[in-house]
């Protein structure tokens, strides 16, 4: 199988159930919504993550992966962290709400979550993955690079225009893979040219 444009050979061969530093990653289930809700919103006060309602978490729980401690006997693993992959289309997906508990630092949970989400993007044949972060150094190790926010109009139109930190954003936009040539979302509340103009185009058929 050819190497993915999003995953290196070493990353693509790793199972999402592989244990690394005491962390195991799996797809989230509806009972995980409470833990995801509590963890994400514990970091929303300072703007690290956007606040999410419990209903929103439940509605989108299938976007999430969770990291937990390895299962011991009949005891379930302990919840360590979570992350989500939002699909805009074949041209772009976004890593969202990726966070681990403070006590889980150093157990490899963050890296395992990110690899699992990149694998999912590859399975969906997405060509580029983006994210907004305050810790770009972590994501450099996974092949992400810094780009201008205006290169990601889908993200801007989905979240940024309703964010209270719109004009004081201290996050860095990053992309792994080629920059999208198209966008599927358009402005709704903030008039152009305050945001980038909607890019137009068509998705080329696969060969």
C-alpha atoms as a PDB file:
ATOM      1  CA  UNK A   1       0.000   0.000   0.000  1.00  0.00           C
ATOM      2  CA  UNK A   2       1.500   3.416  -0.932  1.00  0.00           C
ATOM      3  CA  UNK A   3       2.519   5.761   1.839  1.00  0.00           C
ATOM      4  CA  UNK A   4      -0.190   8.256   2.793  1.00  0.00           C
ATOM      5  CA  UNK A   5       0.398  11.971   2.107  1.00  0.00           C
ATOM      6  CA  UNK A   6      -0.769  12.622   5.672  1.00  0.00           C
ATOM      7  CA  UNK A   7       0.963   9.768   7.510  1.00  0.00           C
ATOM      8  CA  UNK A   8       4.577   8.683   7.443  1.00  0.00           C
ATOM      9  CA  UNK A   9       5.282   4.992   6.987  1.00  0.00           C
ATOM     10  CA  UNK A  10       6.071   4.528  10.665  1.00  0.00           C
ATOM     11  CA  UNK A  11       2.881   6.269  11.747  1.00  0.00           C
ATOM     12  CA  UNK A  12       0.589   4.524   9.270  1.00  0.00           C
ATOM     13  CA  UNK A  13       1.660   1.072  10.449  1.00  0.00           C
ATOM     14  CA  UNK A  14       0.739   1.813  14.051  1.00  0.00           C
ATOM     15  CA  UNK A  15      -2.614   0.439  15.182  1.00  0.00           C
ATOM     16  CA  UNK A  16      -4.961   2.831  16.942  1.00  0.00           C
ATOM     17  CA  UNK A  17      -5.042   0.244  19.717  1.00  0.00           C
ATOM     18  CA  UNK A  18      -1.278   0.264  20.142  1.00  0.00           C
ATOM     19  CA  UNK A  19      -0.164   1.070  23.658  1.00  0.00           C
ATOM     20  CA  UNK A  20       2.396   3.819  23.939  1.00  0.00           C
ATOM     21  CA  UNK A  21       3.552   5.050  27.317  1.00  0.00           C
ATOM     22  CA  UNK A  22       0.506   3.599  29.054  1.00  0.00           C
ATOM     23  CA  UNK A  23      -2.150   5.141  26.766  1.00  0.00           C
ATOM     24  CA  UNK A  24      -4.627   3.373  24.463  1.00  0.00           C
ATOM     25  CA  UNK A  25      -6.767   5.204  21.892  1.00  0.00           C
ATOM     26  CA  UNK A  26     -10.218   4.137  20.699  1.00  0.00           C
ATOM     27  CA  UNK A  27     -13.270   5.721  19.061  1.00  0.00           C
ATOM     28  CA  UNK A  28     -15.509   7.548  21.506  1.00  0.00           C
ATOM     29  CA  UNK A  29     -18.903   6.183  22.497  1.00  0.00           C
ATOM     30  CA  UNK A  30     -21.881   8.081  23.816  1.00  0.00           C
ATOM     31  CA  UNK A  31     -21.102   7.280  27.500  1.00  0.00           C
ATOM     32  CA  UNK A  32     -17.765   9.099  26.983  1.00  0.00           C
ATOM     33  CA  UNK A  33     -19.598  12.388  26.357  1.00  0.00           C
ATOM     34  CA  UNK A  34     -19.616  13.345  30.048  1.00  0.00           C
ATOM     35  CA  UNK A  35     -15.842  12.983  30.380  1.00  0.00           C
ATOM     36  CA  UNK A  36     -15.261  14.814  27.091  1.00  0.00           C
ATOM     37  CA  UNK A  37     -17.605  17.625  28.126  1.00  0.00           C
ATOM     38  CA  UNK A  38     -15.911  18.073  31.511  1.00  0.00           C
ATOM     39  CA  UNK A  39     -12.366  18.023  30.108  1.00  0.00           C
ATOM     40  CA  UNK A  40     -12.980  20.319  27.127  1.00  0.00           C
ATOM     41  CA  UNK A  41     -14.854  22.905  29.172  1.00  0.00           C
ATOM     42  CA  UNK A  42     -12.271  22.837  31.968  1.00  0.00           C
ATOM     43  CA  UNK A  43      -9.978  24.580  29.464  1.00  0.00           C
ATOM     44  CA  UNK A  44     -12.522  26.921  27.908  1.00  0.00           C
ATOM     45  CA  UNK A  45     -12.288  29.649  30.556  1.00  0.00           C
ATOM     46  CA  UNK A  46      -8.973  31.032  29.304  1.00  0.00           C
ATOM     47  CA  UNK A  47      -9.764  30.450  25.633  1.00  0.00           C
ATOM     48  CA  UNK A  48      -7.540  27.391  25.247  1.00  0.00           C
ATOM     49  CA  UNK A  49     -10.549  25.542  23.830  1.00  0.00           C
ATOM     50  CA  UNK A  50     -13.922  26.746  22.633  1.00  0.00           C
ATOM     51  CA  UNK A  51     -16.708  25.967  25.083  1.00  0.00           C
ATOM     52  CA  UNK A  52     -18.953  23.101  23.950  1.00  0.00           C
ATOM     53  CA  UNK A  53     -22.407  22.287  25.250  1.00  0.00           C
ATOM     54  CA  UNK A  54     -23.178  18.770  26.433  1.00  0.00           C
ATOM     55  CA  UNK A  55     -25.749  18.463  23.648  1.00  0.00           C
ATOM     56  CA  UNK A  56     -23.115  19.432  21.071  1.00  0.00           C
ATOM     57  CA  UNK A  57     -20.691  16.835  22.432  1.00  0.00           C
ATOM     58  CA  UNK A  58     -23.368  14.130  22.261  1.00  0.00           C
ATOM     59  CA  UNK A  59     -24.370  15.145  18.741  1.00  0.00           C
ATOM     60  CA  UNK A  60     -20.774  14.982  17.521  1.00  0.00           C
ATOM     61  CA  UNK A  61     -19.416  12.189  19.732  1.00  0.00           C
ATOM     62  CA  UNK A  62     -18.656  10.068  16.655  1.00  0.00           C
ATOM     63  CA  UNK A  63     -16.057  12.683  15.658  1.00  0.00           C
ATOM     64  CA  UNK A  64     -14.102  11.999  18.855  1.00  0.00           C
ATOM     65  CA  UNK A  65     -11.406   9.574  19.869  1.00  0.00           C
ATOM     66  CA  UNK A  66     -10.534   9.044  23.528  1.00  0.00           C
ATOM     67  CA  UNK A  67      -7.304   8.009  25.222  1.00  0.00           C
ATOM     68  CA  UNK A  68      -7.452   5.821  28.294  1.00  0.00           C
ATOM     69  CA  UNK A  69      -5.179   3.737  30.468  1.00  0.00           C
ATOM     70  CA  UNK A  70      -4.754   0.109  29.414  1.00  0.00           C
ATOM     71  CA  UNK A  71      -7.552  -2.175  30.556  1.00  0.00           C
ATOM     72  CA  UNK A  72      -6.566  -4.329  33.538  1.00  0.00           C
ATOM     73  CA  UNK A  73      -8.598  -7.492  33.965  1.00  0.00           C
ATOM     74  CA  UNK A  74     -12.298  -6.634  33.965  1.00  0.00           C
ATOM     75  CA  UNK A  75     -11.691  -3.025  34.952  1.00  0.00           C
ATOM     76  CA  UNK A  76     -12.211  -0.420  32.245  1.00  0.00           C
ATOM     77  CA  UNK A  77      -9.457   1.992  31.362  1.00  0.00           C
ATOM     78  CA  UNK A  78      -9.215   5.396  33.020  1.00  0.00           C
ATOM     79  CA  UNK A  79     -10.128   8.351  30.768  1.00  0.00           C
ATOM     80  CA  UNK A  80      -6.977  10.354  29.941  1.00  0.00           C
ATOM     81  CA  UNK A  81      -7.936  12.674  27.115  1.00  0.00           C
ATOM     82  CA  UNK A  82      -9.769  13.239  23.857  1.00  0.00           C
ATOM     83  CA  UNK A  83      -9.562  14.725  20.402  1.00  0.00           C
ATOM     84  CA  UNK A  84     -11.912  15.150  17.450  1.00  0.00           C
ATOM     85  CA  UNK A  85     -11.669  15.194  13.667  1.00  0.00           C
ATOM     86  CA  UNK A  86     -14.132  17.483  11.891  1.00  0.00           C
ATOM     87  CA  UNK A  87     -14.600  16.805   8.177  1.00  0.00           C
ATOM     88  CA  UNK A  88     -15.205  19.765   5.871  1.00  0.00           C
ATOM     89  CA  UNK A  89     -14.870  17.688   2.713  1.00  0.00           C
ATOM     90  CA  UNK A  90     -12.274  15.695   0.749  1.00  0.00           C
ATOM     91  CA  UNK A  91     -10.139  18.843   0.653  1.00  0.00           C
ATOM     92  CA  UNK A  92      -9.872  19.455   4.416  1.00  0.00           C
ATOM     93  CA  UNK A  93     -10.400  18.099   7.916  1.00  0.00           C
ATOM     94  CA  UNK A  94      -9.658  19.767  11.237  1.00  0.00           C
ATOM     95  CA  UNK A  95      -8.199  18.360  14.441  1.00  0.00           C
ATOM     96  CA  UNK A  96     -10.273  19.847  17.255  1.00  0.00           C
ATOM     97  CA  UNK A  97     -10.509  19.717  21.046  1.00  0.00           C
ATOM     98  CA  UNK A  98      -7.347  17.635  21.447  1.00  0.00           C
ATOM     99  CA  UNK A  99      -6.438  17.672  25.132  1.00  0.00           C
ATOM    100  CA  UNK A 100      -5.233  15.352  27.887  1.00  0.00           C
ATOM    101  CA  UNK A 101      -5.656  15.542  31.627  1.00  0.00           C
ATOM    102  CA  UNK A 102      -2.742  17.169  33.516  1.00  0.00           C
ATOM    103  CA  UNK A 103      -2.037  13.921  35.352  1.00  0.00           C
ATOM    104  CA  UNK A 104      -1.779  12.097  32.009  1.00  0.00           C
ATOM    105  CA  UNK A 105       1.092  14.219  30.708  1.00  0.00           C
ATOM    106  CA  UNK A 106       4.045  12.130  29.568  1.00  0.00           C
ATOM    107  CA  UNK A 107       2.028   8.956  28.941  1.00  0.00           C
ATOM    108  CA  UNK A 108       1.936   9.433  25.173  1.00  0.00           C
ATOM    109  CA  UNK A 109      -1.794  10.106  25.103  1.00  0.00           C
ATOM    110  CA  UNK A 110      -1.551  13.315  23.057  1.00  0.00           C
ATOM    111  CA  UNK A 111       0.616  11.739  20.379  1.00  0.00           C
ATOM    112  CA  UNK A 112      -1.558   8.651  20.179  1.00  0.00           C
ATOM    113  CA  UNK A 113      -4.698  10.742  19.829  1.00  0.00           C
ATOM    114  CA  UNK A 114      -3.209  12.831  17.045  1.00  0.00           C
ATOM    115  CA  UNK A 115      -1.964   9.787  15.122  1.00  0.00           C
ATOM    116  CA  UNK A 116      -5.382   8.137  15.412  1.00  0.00           C
ATOM    117  CA  UNK A 117      -7.096  11.251  14.047  1.00  0.00           C
ATOM    118  CA  UNK A 118      -4.618  11.482  11.158  1.00  0.00           C
ATOM    119  CA  UNK A 119      -5.240   7.821  10.367  1.00  0.00           C
ATOM    120  CA  UNK A 120      -8.970   8.523  10.292  1.00  0.00           C
ATOM    121  CA  UNK A 121      -8.428  11.442   7.909  1.00  0.00           C
ATOM    122  CA  UNK A 122      -6.455   9.123   5.655  1.00  0.00           C
ATOM    123  CA  UNK A 123      -9.217   6.511   5.757  1.00  0.00           C
ATOM    124  CA  UNK A 124     -11.642   9.244   4.653  1.00  0.00           C
ATOM    125  CA  UNK A 125      -9.299  10.191   1.757  1.00  0.00           C
ATOM    126  CA  UNK A 126      -8.871  13.740   3.083  1.00  0.00           C
ATOM    127  CA  UNK A 127      -5.910  15.496   1.478  1.00  0.00           C
ATOM    128  CA  UNK A 128      -5.149  18.106   4.178  1.00  0.00           C
ATOM    129  CA  UNK A 129      -5.601  18.408   7.938  1.00  0.00           C
ATOM    130  CA  UNK A 130      -5.572  21.730   9.783  1.00  0.00           C
ATOM    131  CA  UNK A 131      -5.668  22.903  13.389  1.00  0.00           C
ATOM    132  CA  UNK A 132      -5.359  26.063  15.475  1.00  0.00           C
ATOM    133  CA  UNK A 133      -3.023  25.847  18.476  1.00  0.00           C
ATOM    134  CA  UNK A 134      -0.953  27.699  21.064  1.00  0.00           C
ATOM    135  CA  UNK A 135       1.677  24.945  21.123  1.00  0.00           C
ATOM    136  CA  UNK A 136       2.913  24.672  17.511  1.00  0.00           C
ATOM    137  CA  UNK A 137       6.161  22.976  18.536  1.00  0.00           C
ATOM    138  CA  UNK A 138       4.266  19.797  19.438  1.00  0.00           C
ATOM    139  CA  UNK A 139       2.614  19.608  16.030  1.00  0.00           C
ATOM    140  CA  UNK A 140       5.817  20.328  14.085  1.00  0.00           C
ATOM    141  CA  UNK A 141       6.907  16.812  15.058  1.00  0.00           C
ATOM    142  CA  UNK A 142       3.902  15.416  13.188  1.00  0.00           C
ATOM    143  CA  UNK A 143       4.542  17.243   9.917  1.00  0.00           C
ATOM    144  CA  UNK A 144       2.324  20.293  10.445  1.00  0.00           C
ATOM    145  CA  UNK A 145       3.498  23.706   9.256  1.00  0.00           C
ATOM    146  CA  UNK A 146       2.383  27.249  10.075  1.00  0.00           C
ATOM    147  CA  UNK A 147       0.138  28.984   7.534  1.00  0.00           C
ATOM    148  CA  UNK A 148      -1.875  32.192   7.340  1.00  0.00           C
ATOM    149  CA  UNK A 149      -5.349  31.936   8.855  1.00  0.00           C
ATOM    150  CA  UNK A 150      -6.836  33.302   5.631  1.00  0.00           C
ATOM    151  CA  UNK A 151      -5.691  30.125   3.860  1.00  0.00           C
ATOM    152  CA  UNK A 152      -8.391  28.242   5.821  1.00  0.00           C
ATOM    153  CA  UNK A 153     -11.696  30.020   5.085  1.00  0.00           C
ATOM    154  CA  UNK A 154     -13.773  26.971   6.043  1.00  0.00           C
ATOM    155  CA  UNK A 155     -12.388  27.126   9.584  1.00  0.00           C
ATOM    156  CA  UNK A 156     -12.849  30.898   9.754  1.00  0.00           C
ATOM    157  CA  UNK A 157     -16.457  30.774   8.663  1.00  0.00           C
ATOM    158  CA  UNK A 158     -17.318  27.836  10.925  1.00  0.00           C
ATOM    159  CA  UNK A 159     -15.784  28.983  14.231  1.00  0.00           C
ATOM    160  CA  UNK A 160     -13.707  32.145  14.141  1.00  0.00           C
ATOM    161  CA  UNK A 161     -16.403  34.679  13.345  1.00  0.00           C
ATOM    162  CA  UNK A 162     -18.368  33.661  16.454  1.00  0.00           C
ATOM    163  CA  UNK A 163     -15.317  33.368  18.730  1.00  0.00           C
ATOM    164  CA  UNK A 164     -14.991  36.063  21.430  1.00  0.00           C
ATOM    165  CA  UNK A 165     -11.249  36.174  20.718  1.00  0.00           C
ATOM    166  CA  UNK A 166     -11.692  36.877  16.995  1.00  0.00           C
ATOM    167  CA  UNK A 167      -9.721  40.126  17.055  1.00  0.00           C
ATOM    168  CA  UNK A 168      -7.293  39.031  19.784  1.00  0.00           C
ATOM    169  CA  UNK A 169      -6.484  35.509  18.644  1.00  0.00           C
ATOM    170  CA  UNK A 170      -3.151  34.166  19.881  1.00  0.00           C
ATOM    171  CA  UNK A 171      -3.434  30.779  18.195  1.00  0.00           C
ATOM    172  CA  UNK A 172      -1.317  29.616  15.268  1.00  0.00           C
ATOM    173  CA  UNK A 173      -2.931  28.123  12.175  1.00  0.00           C
ATOM    174  CA  UNK A 174      -1.221  24.943  10.988  1.00  0.00           C
ATOM    175  CA  UNK A 175      -1.726  22.519   8.107  1.00  0.00           C
ATOM    176  CA  UNK A 176      -0.454  19.096   7.179  1.00  0.00           C
ATOM    177  CA  UNK A 177      -0.758  18.332   3.477  1.00  0.00           C
ATOM    178  CA  UNK A 178      -1.448  20.683   0.556  1.00  0.00           C
ATOM    179  CA  UNK A 179      -3.371  23.871   1.169  1.00  0.00           C
ATOM    180  CA  UNK A 180      -6.990  23.561   0.000  1.00  0.00           C
ATOM    181  CA  UNK A 181      -7.816  25.103  -3.363  1.00  0.00           C
ATOM    182  CA  UNK A 182     -11.507  25.351  -2.548  1.00  0.00           C
ATOM    183  CA  UNK A 183     -13.835  26.139   0.352  1.00  0.00           C
ATOM    184  CA  UNK A 184     -17.348  24.876   1.018  1.00  0.00           C
ATOM    185  CA  UNK A 185     -18.482  27.413   3.617  1.00  0.00           C
ATOM    186  CA  UNK A 186     -19.235  31.099   3.160  1.00  0.00           C
ATOM    187  CA  UNK A 187     -19.450  34.199   5.348  1.00  0.00           C
ATOM    188  CA  UNK A 188     -22.597  34.659   7.393  1.00  0.00           C
ATOM    189  CA  UNK A 189     -22.043  37.362  10.010  1.00  0.00           C
ATOM    190  CA  UNK A 190     -18.833  39.229   9.184  1.00  0.00           C
ATOM    191  CA  UNK A 191     -18.731  41.004   5.865  1.00  0.00           C
ATOM    192  CA  UNK A 192     -15.851  40.653   3.455  1.00  0.00           C
ATOM    193  CA  UNK A 193     -13.102  41.756   3.216  1.00  0.00           C
ATOM    194  CA  UNK A 194     -12.720  41.397   7.017  1.00  0.00           C
ATOM    195  CA  UNK A 195     -12.487  37.679   6.300  1.00  0.00           C
ATOM    196  CA  UNK A 196     -10.895  36.082   3.292  1.00  0.00           C
ATOM    197  CA  UNK A 197     -13.108  35.893   0.224  1.00  0.00           C
ATOM    198  CA  UNK A 198     -14.691  32.519  -0.352  1.00  0.00           C
ATOM    199  CA  UNK A 199     -12.535  30.417  -2.615  1.00  0.00           C
ATOM    200  CA  UNK A 200     -14.311  28.748  -5.475  1.00  0.00           C
ATOM    201  CA  UNK A 201     -13.571  25.696  -7.532  1.00  0.00           C
ATOM    202  CA  UNK A 202     -14.490  22.082  -8.007  1.00  0.00           C
ATOM    203  CA  UNK A 203     -13.093  18.903  -6.559  1.00  0.00           C
ATOM    204  CA  UNK A 204     -11.268  17.027  -9.273  1.00  0.00           C
ATOM    205  CA  UNK A 205     -12.551  13.478  -9.744  1.00  0.00           C
ATOM    206  CA  UNK A 206     -10.217  10.744  -8.533  1.00  0.00           C
ATOM    207  CA  UNK A 207      -8.389   8.749 -11.136  1.00  0.00           C
END
